[in-house]
Amino acid sequence: MKTVDIDAAETELSALVDEALAGEEVVLAKDGKPLVRLTPIENRKKDILSTFGMLKGKIWIDDDHFDDPLPDDILRGFGVID
């Protein structure tokens, strides 16, 4: 963990952000007391793309009944029938 005084952080903010993005834990302090921690924001789009296909082989669809009509209670829920 790297602790940096908040006054010093003003001049090296860009480098501190780069370190946090690289996985380094960066804490900003004032008078030796920790105030805040710099942490990267997760990239949701990247997370979704990196997990694409993660359920492969875990979902099973019955090919014999895939195209069967839905039960009446479900169709009513969608407002398809009264």
PDB file of N, CA and C in Angstrom:
ATOM      1  N   MET A   1       0.848  -1.175   0.000  1.00  0.00           N
ATOM      2  CA  MET A   1       0.000   0.000   0.000  1.00  0.00           C
ATOM      3  C   MET A   1       0.888   1.232   0.000  1.00  0.00           C
ATOM      4  N   LYS A   2       0.518   2.170  -0.843  1.00  0.00           N
ATOM      5  CA  LYS A   2       1.268   3.415  -0.940  1.00  0.00           C
ATOM      6  C   LYS A   2       0.422   4.529  -0.336  1.00  0.00           C
ATOM      7  N   THR A   3       0.984   5.255   0.630  1.00  0.00           N
ATOM      8  CA  THR A   3       0.286   6.375   1.249  1.00  0.00           C
ATOM      9  C   THR A   3       0.981   7.658   0.831  1.00  0.00           C
ATOM     10  N   VAL A   4       0.172   8.603   0.333  1.00  0.00           N
ATOM     11  CA  VAL A   4       0.712   9.868  -0.171  1.00  0.00           C
ATOM     12  C   VAL A   4      -0.019  11.010   0.512  1.00  0.00           C
ATOM     13  N   ASP A   5       0.733  12.014   0.947  1.00  0.00           N
ATOM     14  CA  ASP A   5       0.111  13.198   1.528  1.00  0.00           C
ATOM     15  C   ASP A   5      -0.708  13.913   0.465  1.00  0.00           C
ATOM     16  N   ILE A   6      -1.867  14.388   0.829  1.00  0.00           N
ATOM     17  CA  ILE A   6      -2.798  14.964  -0.138  1.00  0.00           C
ATOM     18  C   ILE A   6      -2.197  16.173  -0.860  1.00  0.00           C
ATOM     19  N   ASP A   7      -1.344  16.943  -0.169  1.00  0.00           N
ATOM     20  CA  ASP A   7      -0.700  18.089  -0.825  1.00  0.00           C
ATOM     21  C   ASP A   7       0.267  17.633  -1.915  1.00  0.00           C
ATOM     22  N   ALA A   8       0.987  16.541  -1.663  1.00  0.00           N
ATOM     23  CA  ALA A   8       1.914  16.000  -2.656  1.00  0.00           C
ATOM     24  C   ALA A   8       1.143  15.345  -3.798  1.00  0.00           C
ATOM     25  N   ALA A   9      -0.026  14.812  -3.483  1.00  0.00           N
ATOM     26  CA  ALA A   9      -0.821  14.117  -4.499  1.00  0.00           C
ATOM     27  C   ALA A   9      -1.291  15.061  -5.596  1.00  0.00           C
ATOM     28  N   GLU A  10      -1.455  16.326  -5.267  1.00  0.00           N
ATOM     29  CA  GLU A  10      -1.899  17.296  -6.272  1.00  0.00           C
ATOM     30  C   GLU A  10      -0.946  17.351  -7.457  1.00  0.00           C
ATOM     31  N   THR A  11       0.333  17.249  -7.190  1.00  0.00           N
ATOM     32  CA  THR A  11       1.310  17.372  -8.277  1.00  0.00           C
ATOM     33  C   THR A  11       1.567  16.049  -8.998  1.00  0.00           C
ATOM     34  N   GLU A  12       1.241  14.938  -8.352  1.00  0.00           N
ATOM     35  CA  GLU A  12       1.494  13.635  -8.971  1.00  0.00           C
ATOM     36  C   GLU A  12       0.219  12.810  -9.158  1.00  0.00           C
ATOM     37  N   LEU A  13      -0.905  13.489  -9.290  1.00  0.00           N
ATOM     38  CA  LEU A  13      -2.188  12.798  -9.386  1.00  0.00           C
ATOM     39  C   LEU A  13      -2.240  11.827 -10.563  1.00  0.00           C
ATOM     40  N   SER A  14      -1.776  12.258 -11.716  1.00  0.00           N
ATOM     41  CA  SER A  14      -1.818  11.404 -12.900  1.00  0.00           C
ATOM     42  C   SER A  14      -1.046  10.102 -12.673  1.00  0.00           C
ATOM     43  N   ALA A  15       0.121  10.195 -12.082  1.00  0.00           N
ATOM     44  CA  ALA A  15       0.928   9.001 -11.808  1.00  0.00           C
ATOM     45  C   ALA A  15       0.250   8.114 -10.764  1.00  0.00           C
ATOM     46  N   LEU A  16      -0.384   8.720  -9.770  1.00  0.00           N
ATOM     47  CA  LEU A  16      -1.077   7.948  -8.736  1.00  0.00           C
ATOM     48  C   LEU A  16      -2.272   7.199  -9.325  1.00  0.00           C
ATOM     49  N   VAL A  17      -2.991   7.858 -10.233  1.00  0.00           N
ATOM     50  CA  VAL A  17      -4.116   7.199 -10.898  1.00  0.00           C
ATOM     51  C   VAL A  17      -3.609   6.014 -11.719  1.00  0.00           C
ATOM     52  N   ASP A  18      -2.515   6.204 -12.433  1.00  0.00           N
ATOM     53  CA  ASP A  18      -1.938   5.098 -13.210  1.00  0.00           C
ATOM     54  C   ASP A  18      -1.566   3.923 -12.308  1.00  0.00           C
ATOM     55  N   GLU A  19      -1.008   4.222 -11.142  1.00  0.00           N
ATOM     56  CA  GLU A  19      -0.634   3.165 -10.206  1.00  0.00           C
ATOM     57  C   GLU A  19      -1.876   2.426  -9.699  1.00  0.00           C
ATOM     58  N   ALA A  20      -2.926   3.172  -9.394  1.00  0.00           N
ATOM     59  CA  ALA A  20      -4.168   2.547  -8.924  1.00  0.00           C
ATOM     60  C   ALA A  20      -4.763   1.660 -10.010  1.00  0.00           C
ATOM     61  N   LEU A  21      -4.728   2.125 -11.250  1.00  0.00           N
ATOM     62  CA  LEU A  21      -5.237   1.332 -12.360  1.00  0.00           C
ATOM     63  C   LEU A  21      -4.426   0.054 -12.566  1.00  0.00           C
ATOM     64  N   ALA A  22      -3.140   0.117 -12.208  1.00  0.00           N
ATOM     65  CA  ALA A  22      -2.262  -1.049 -12.350  1.00  0.00           C
ATOM     66  C   ALA A  22      -2.415  -2.027 -11.189  1.00  0.00           C
ATOM     67  N   GLY A  23      -3.251  -1.684 -10.196  1.00  0.00           N
ATOM     68  CA  GLY A  23      -3.489  -2.598  -9.095  1.00  0.00           C
ATOM     69  C   GLY A  23      -2.858  -2.194  -7.773  1.00  0.00           C
ATOM     70  N   GLU A  24      -2.075  -1.143  -7.775  1.00  0.00           N
ATOM     71  CA  GLU A  24      -1.456  -0.652  -6.537  1.00  0.00           C
ATOM     72  C   GLU A  24      -2.519   0.004  -5.662  1.00  0.00           C
ATOM     73  N   GLU A  25      -2.495  -0.267  -4.372  1.00  0.00           N
ATOM     74  CA  GLU A  25      -3.416   0.400  -3.449  1.00  0.00           C
ATOM     75  C   GLU A  25      -2.808   1.744  -3.077  1.00  0.00           C
ATOM     76  N   VAL A  26      -3.519   2.821  -3.412  1.00  0.00           N
ATOM     77  CA  VAL A  26      -3.035   4.171  -3.165  1.00  0.00           C
ATOM     78  C   VAL A  26      -3.983   4.857  -2.187  1.00  0.00           C
ATOM     79  N   VAL A  27      -3.418   5.342  -1.079  1.00  0.00           N
ATOM     80  CA  VAL A  27      -4.204   6.017  -0.052  1.00  0.00           C
ATOM     81  C   VAL A  27      -3.705   7.451   0.061  1.00  0.00           C
ATOM     82  N   LEU A  28      -4.651   8.385   0.068  1.00  0.00           N
ATOM     83  CA  LEU A  28      -4.302   9.790   0.264  1.00  0.00           C
ATOM     84  C   LEU A  28      -4.522  10.134   1.726  1.00  0.00           C
ATOM     85  N   ALA A  29      -3.543  10.825   2.328  1.00  0.00           N
ATOM     86  CA  ALA A  29      -3.600  11.141   3.747  1.00  0.00           C
ATOM     87  C   ALA A  29      -3.334  12.627   3.971  1.00  0.00           C
ATOM     88  N   LYS A  30      -3.765  13.089   5.129  1.00  0.00           N
ATOM     89  CA  LYS A  30      -3.470  14.467   5.536  1.00  0.00           C
ATOM     90  C   LYS A  30      -2.966  14.402   6.974  1.00  0.00           C
ATOM     91  N   ASP A  31      -1.829  14.999   7.194  1.00  0.00           N
ATOM     92  CA  ASP A  31      -1.186  14.953   8.513  1.00  0.00           C
ATOM     93  C   ASP A  31      -1.010  13.519   9.004  1.00  0.00           C
ATOM     94  N   GLY A  32      -0.719  12.611   8.061  1.00  0.00           N
ATOM     95  CA  GLY A  32      -0.471  11.219   8.409  1.00  0.00           C
ATOM     96  C   GLY A  32      -1.714  10.377   8.633  1.00  0.00           C
ATOM     97  N   LYS A  33      -2.897  10.994   8.510  1.00  0.00           N
ATOM     98  CA  LYS A  33      -4.145  10.251   8.714  1.00  0.00           C
ATOM     99  C   LYS A  33      -4.763   9.912   7.364  1.00  0.00           C
ATOM    100  N   PRO A  34      -5.005   8.624   7.096  1.00  0.00           N
ATOM    101  CA  PRO A  34      -5.609   8.228   5.819  1.00  0.00           C
ATOM    102  C   PRO A  34      -6.989   8.857   5.641  1.00  0.00           C
ATOM    103  N   LEU A  35      -7.229   9.399   4.430  1.00  0.00           N
ATOM    104  CA  LEU A  35      -8.516  10.027   4.126  1.00  0.00           C
ATOM    105  C   LEU A  35      -9.309   9.260   3.079  1.00  0.00           C
ATOM    106  N   VAL A  36      -8.662   8.969   1.952  1.00  0.00           N
ATOM    107  CA  VAL A  36      -9.365   8.307   0.848  1.00  0.00           C
ATOM    108  C   VAL A  36      -8.447   7.292   0.183  1.00  0.00           C
ATOM    109  N   ARG A  37      -9.081   6.369  -0.529  1.00  0.00           N
ATOM    110  CA  ARG A  37      -8.340   5.343  -1.267  1.00  0.00           C
ATOM    111  C   ARG A  37      -8.678   5.501  -2.746  1.00  0.00           C
ATOM    112  N   LEU A  38      -7.673   5.494  -3.609  1.00  0.00           N
ATOM    113  CA  LEU A  38      -7.899   5.531  -5.051  1.00  0.00           C
ATOM    114  C   LEU A  38      -8.136   4.106  -5.536  1.00  0.00           C
ATOM    115  N   THR A  39      -9.276   3.891  -6.164  1.00  0.00           N
ATOM    116  CA  THR A  39      -9.570   2.580  -6.724  1.00  0.00           C
ATOM    117  C   THR A  39     -10.165   2.757  -8.112  1.00  0.00           C
ATOM    118  N   PRO A  40      -9.833   1.874  -9.029  1.00  0.00           N
ATOM    119  CA  PRO A  40     -10.385   1.996 -10.376  1.00  0.00           C
ATOM    120  C   PRO A  40     -11.874   1.657 -10.404  1.00  0.00           C
ATOM    121  N   ILE A  41     -12.596   2.302 -11.301  1.00  0.00           N
ATOM    122  CA  ILE A  41     -13.996   1.980 -11.535  1.00  0.00           C
ATOM    123  C   ILE A  41     -14.033   0.826 -12.517  1.00  0.00           C
ATOM    124  N   GLU A  42     -14.852  -0.178 -12.199  1.00  0.00           N
ATOM    125  CA  GLU A  42     -14.949  -1.329 -13.085  1.00  0.00           C
ATOM    126  C   GLU A  42     -15.548  -0.929 -14.423  1.00  0.00           C
ATOM    127  N   ASN A  43     -14.992  -1.485 -15.471  1.00  0.00           N
ATOM    128  CA  ASN A  43     -15.519  -1.236 -16.808  1.00  0.00           C
ATOM    129  C   ASN A  43     -16.575  -2.286 -17.095  1.00  0.00           C
ATOM    130  N   ARG A  44     -17.853  -1.913 -16.974  1.00  0.00           N
ATOM    131  CA  ARG A  44     -18.948  -2.862 -17.127  1.00  0.00           C
ATOM    132  C   ARG A  44     -18.958  -3.515 -18.501  1.00  0.00           C
ATOM    133  N   LYS A  45     -18.705  -2.736 -19.542  1.00  0.00           N
ATOM    134  CA  LYS A  45     -18.732  -3.306 -20.887  1.00  0.00           C
ATOM    135  C   LYS A  45     -17.655  -4.381 -21.021  1.00  0.00           C
ATOM    136  N   LYS A  46     -16.479  -4.097 -20.494  1.00  0.00           N
ATOM    137  CA  LYS A  46     -15.391  -5.064 -20.555  1.00  0.00           C
ATOM    138  C   LYS A  46     -15.751  -6.319 -19.754  1.00  0.00           C
ATOM    139  N   ASP A  47     -16.374  -6.129 -18.569  1.00  0.00           N
ATOM    140  CA  ASP A  47     -16.755  -7.281 -17.754  1.00  0.00           C
ATOM    141  C   ASP A  47     -17.738  -8.177 -18.493  1.00  0.00           C
ATOM    142  N   ILE A  48     -18.702  -7.581 -19.172  1.00  0.00           N
ATOM    143  CA  ILE A  48     -19.693  -8.353 -19.904  1.00  0.00           C
ATOM    144  C   ILE A  48     -19.022  -9.132 -21.033  1.00  0.00           C
ATOM    145  N   LEU A  49     -18.145  -8.467 -21.760  1.00  0.00           N
ATOM    146  CA  LEU A  49     -17.483  -9.136 -22.874  1.00  0.00           C
ATOM    147  C   LEU A  49     -16.557 -10.248 -22.395  1.00  0.00           C
ATOM    148  N   SER A  50     -15.918 -10.036 -21.254  1.00  0.00           N
ATOM    149  CA  SER A  50     -14.978 -11.049 -20.784  1.00  0.00           C
ATOM    150  C   SER A  50     -15.695 -12.271 -20.218  1.00  0.00           C
ATOM    151  N   THR A  51     -16.979 -12.136 -19.886  1.00  0.00           N
ATOM    152  CA  THR A  51     -17.716 -13.266 -19.345  1.00  0.00           C
ATOM    153  C   THR A  51     -18.660 -13.879 -20.369  1.00  0.00           C
ATOM    154  N   PHE A  52     -18.632 -13.404 -21.611  1.00  0.00           N
ATOM    155  CA  PHE A  52     -19.483 -13.959 -22.652  1.00  0.00           C
ATOM    156  C   PHE A  52     -19.187 -15.444 -22.802  1.00  0.00           C
ATOM    157  N   GLY A  53     -20.221 -16.249 -22.748  1.00  0.00           N
ATOM    158  CA  GLY A  53     -20.063 -17.691 -22.890  1.00  0.00           C
ATOM    159  C   GLY A  53     -19.766 -18.422 -21.602  1.00  0.00           C
ATOM    160  N   MET A  54     -19.785 -17.714 -20.465  1.00  0.00           N
ATOM    161  CA  MET A  54     -19.422 -18.363 -19.212  1.00  0.00           C
ATOM    162  C   MET A  54     -20.430 -19.422 -18.759  1.00  0.00           C
ATOM    163  N   LEU A  55     -21.652 -19.406 -19.322  1.00  0.00           N
ATOM    164  CA  LEU A  55     -22.649 -20.406 -18.958  1.00  0.00           C
ATOM    165  C   LEU A  55     -22.713 -21.560 -19.957  1.00  0.00           C
ATOM    166  N   LYS A  56     -21.779 -21.582 -20.906  1.00  0.00           N
ATOM    167  CA  LYS A  56     -21.767 -22.650 -21.891  1.00  0.00           C
ATOM    168  C   LYS A  56     -21.680 -24.005 -21.187  1.00  0.00           C
ATOM    169  N   GLY A  57     -22.602 -24.884 -21.580  1.00  0.00           N
ATOM    170  CA  GLY A  57     -22.639 -26.214 -20.997  1.00  0.00           C
ATOM    171  C   GLY A  57     -23.399 -26.298 -19.690  1.00  0.00           C
ATOM    172  N   LYS A  58     -23.852 -25.151 -19.157  1.00  0.00           N
ATOM    173  CA  LYS A  58     -24.571 -25.148 -17.887  1.00  0.00           C
ATOM    174  C   LYS A  58     -26.074 -24.972 -18.076  1.00  0.00           C
ATOM    175  N   ILE A  59     -26.491 -24.633 -19.280  1.00  0.00           N
ATOM    176  CA  ILE A  59     -27.915 -24.454 -19.570  1.00  0.00           C
ATOM    177  C   ILE A  59     -28.334 -25.545 -20.534  1.00  0.00           C
ATOM    178  N   TRP A  60     -29.445 -26.170 -20.254  1.00  0.00           N
ATOM    179  CA  TRP A  60     -29.943 -27.249 -21.093  1.00  0.00           C
ATOM    180  C   TRP A  60     -31.331 -26.886 -21.583  1.00  0.00           C
ATOM    181  N   ILE A  61     -31.581 -27.062 -22.862  1.00  0.00           N
ATOM    182  CA  ILE A  61     -32.890 -26.810 -23.457  1.00  0.00           C
ATOM    183  C   ILE A  61     -33.377 -28.113 -24.074  1.00  0.00           C
ATOM    184  N   ASP A  62     -34.588 -28.488 -23.711  1.00  0.00           N
ATOM    185  CA  ASP A  62     -35.191 -29.716 -24.218  1.00  0.00           C
ATOM    186  C   ASP A  62     -35.602 -29.491 -25.676  1.00  0.00           C
ATOM    187  N   ASP A  63     -34.847 -30.043 -26.610  1.00  0.00           N
ATOM    188  CA  ASP A  63     -35.125 -29.853 -28.034  1.00  0.00           C
ATOM    189  C   ASP A  63     -36.491 -30.393 -28.452  1.00  0.00           C
ATOM    190  N   ASP A  64     -36.981 -31.403 -27.757  1.00  0.00           N
ATOM    191  CA  ASP A  64     -38.262 -31.996 -28.119  1.00  0.00           C
ATOM    192  C   ASP A  64     -39.437 -31.070 -27.807  1.00  0.00           C
ATOM    193  N   HIS A  65     -39.273 -30.159 -26.862  1.00  0.00           N
ATOM    194  CA  HIS A  65     -40.393 -29.309 -26.439  1.00  0.00           C
ATOM    195  C   HIS A  65     -40.102 -27.808 -26.558  1.00  0.00           C
ATOM    196  N   PHE A  66     -38.994 -27.434 -27.172  1.00  0.00           N
ATOM    197  CA  PHE A  66     -38.607 -26.022 -27.264  1.00  0.00           C
ATOM    198  C   PHE A  66     -39.675 -25.178 -27.955  1.00  0.00           C
ATOM    199  N   ASP A  67     -40.267 -25.691 -29.012  1.00  0.00           N
ATOM    200  CA  ASP A  67     -41.246 -24.932 -29.788  1.00  0.00           C
ATOM    201  C   ASP A  67     -42.688 -25.132 -29.326  1.00  0.00           C
ATOM    202  N   ASP A  68     -42.909 -25.845 -28.231  1.00  0.00           N
ATOM    203  CA  ASP A  68     -44.269 -26.048 -27.724  1.00  0.00           C
ATOM    204  C   ASP A  68     -44.866 -24.701 -27.298  1.00  0.00           C
ATOM    205  N   PRO A  69     -46.192 -24.560 -27.444  1.00  0.00           N
ATOM    206  CA  PRO A  69     -46.844 -23.327 -26.992  1.00  0.00           C
ATOM    207  C   PRO A  69     -46.672 -23.153 -25.484  1.00  0.00           C
ATOM    208  N   LEU A  70     -46.655 -21.893 -25.059  1.00  0.00           N
ATOM    209  CA  LEU A  70     -46.550 -21.600 -23.635  1.00  0.00           C
ATOM    210  C   LEU A  70     -47.864 -21.944 -22.938  1.00  0.00           C
ATOM    211  N   PRO A  71     -47.818 -22.287 -21.661  1.00  0.00           N
ATOM    212  CA  PRO A  71     -49.048 -22.556 -20.908  1.00  0.00           C
ATOM    213  C   PRO A  71     -49.929 -21.296 -20.843  1.00  0.00           C
ATOM    214  N   ASP A  72     -51.246 -21.504 -20.697  1.00  0.00           N
ATOM    215  CA  ASP A  72     -52.202 -20.395 -20.686  1.00  0.00           C
ATOM    216  C   ASP A  72     -51.902 -19.363 -19.607  1.00  0.00           C
ATOM    217  N   ASP A  73     -51.464 -19.792 -18.418  1.00  0.00           N
ATOM    218  CA  ASP A  73     -51.211 -18.820 -17.344  1.00  0.00           C
ATOM    219  C   ASP A  73     -50.070 -17.866 -17.710  1.00  0.00           C
ATOM    220  N   ILE A  74     -49.088 -18.351 -18.419  1.00  0.00           N
ATOM    221  CA  ILE A  74     -47.991 -17.481 -18.850  1.00  0.00           C
ATOM    222  C   ILE A  74     -48.469 -16.553 -19.968  1.00  0.00           C
ATOM    223  N   LEU A  75     -49.243 -17.071 -20.908  1.00  0.00           N
ATOM    224  CA  LEU A  75     -49.787 -16.227 -21.982  1.00  0.00           C
ATOM    225  C   LEU A  75     -50.681 -15.134 -21.409  1.00  0.00           C
ATOM    226  N   ARG A  76     -51.458 -15.453 -20.375  1.00  0.00           N
ATOM    227  CA  ARG A  76     -52.300 -14.436 -19.730  1.00  0.00           C
ATOM    228  C   ARG A  76     -51.413 -13.351 -19.088  1.00  0.00           C
ATOM    229  N   GLY A  77     -50.332 -13.764 -18.498  1.00  0.00           N
ATOM    230  CA  GLY A  77     -49.410 -12.810 -17.886  1.00  0.00           C
ATOM    231  C   GLY A  77     -48.851 -11.805 -18.872  1.00  0.00           C
ATOM    232  N   PHE A  78     -48.674 -12.238 -20.098  1.00  0.00           N
ATOM    233  CA  PHE A  78     -48.191 -11.345 -21.141  1.00  0.00           C
ATOM    234  C   PHE A  78     -49.333 -10.626 -21.846  1.00  0.00           C
ATOM    235  N   GLY A  79     -50.576 -10.941 -21.479  1.00  0.00           N
ATOM    236  CA  GLY A  79     -51.735 -10.295 -22.101  1.00  0.00           C
ATOM    237  C   GLY A  79     -52.054 -10.815 -23.476  1.00  0.00           C
ATOM    238  N   VAL A  80     -51.526 -11.982 -23.832  1.00  0.00           N
ATOM    239  CA  VAL A  80     -51.780 -12.550 -25.161  1.00  0.00           C
ATOM    240  C   VAL A  80     -53.177 -13.122 -25.240  1.00  0.00           C
ATOM    241  N   ILE A  81     -53.636 -13.726 -24.139  1.00  0.00           N
ATOM    242  CA  ILE A  81     -55.002 -14.255 -24.090  1.00  0.00           C
ATOM    243  C   ILE A  81     -55.699 -13.694 -22.860  1.00  0.00           C
ATOM    244  N   ASP A  82     -57.019 -13.743 -22.854  1.00  0.00           N
ATOM    245  CA  ASP A  82     -57.786 -13.250 -21.690  1.00  0.00           C
ATOM    246  C   ASP A  82     -58.053 -14.353 -20.717  1.00  0.00           C
TER     247      ASP A  82
END
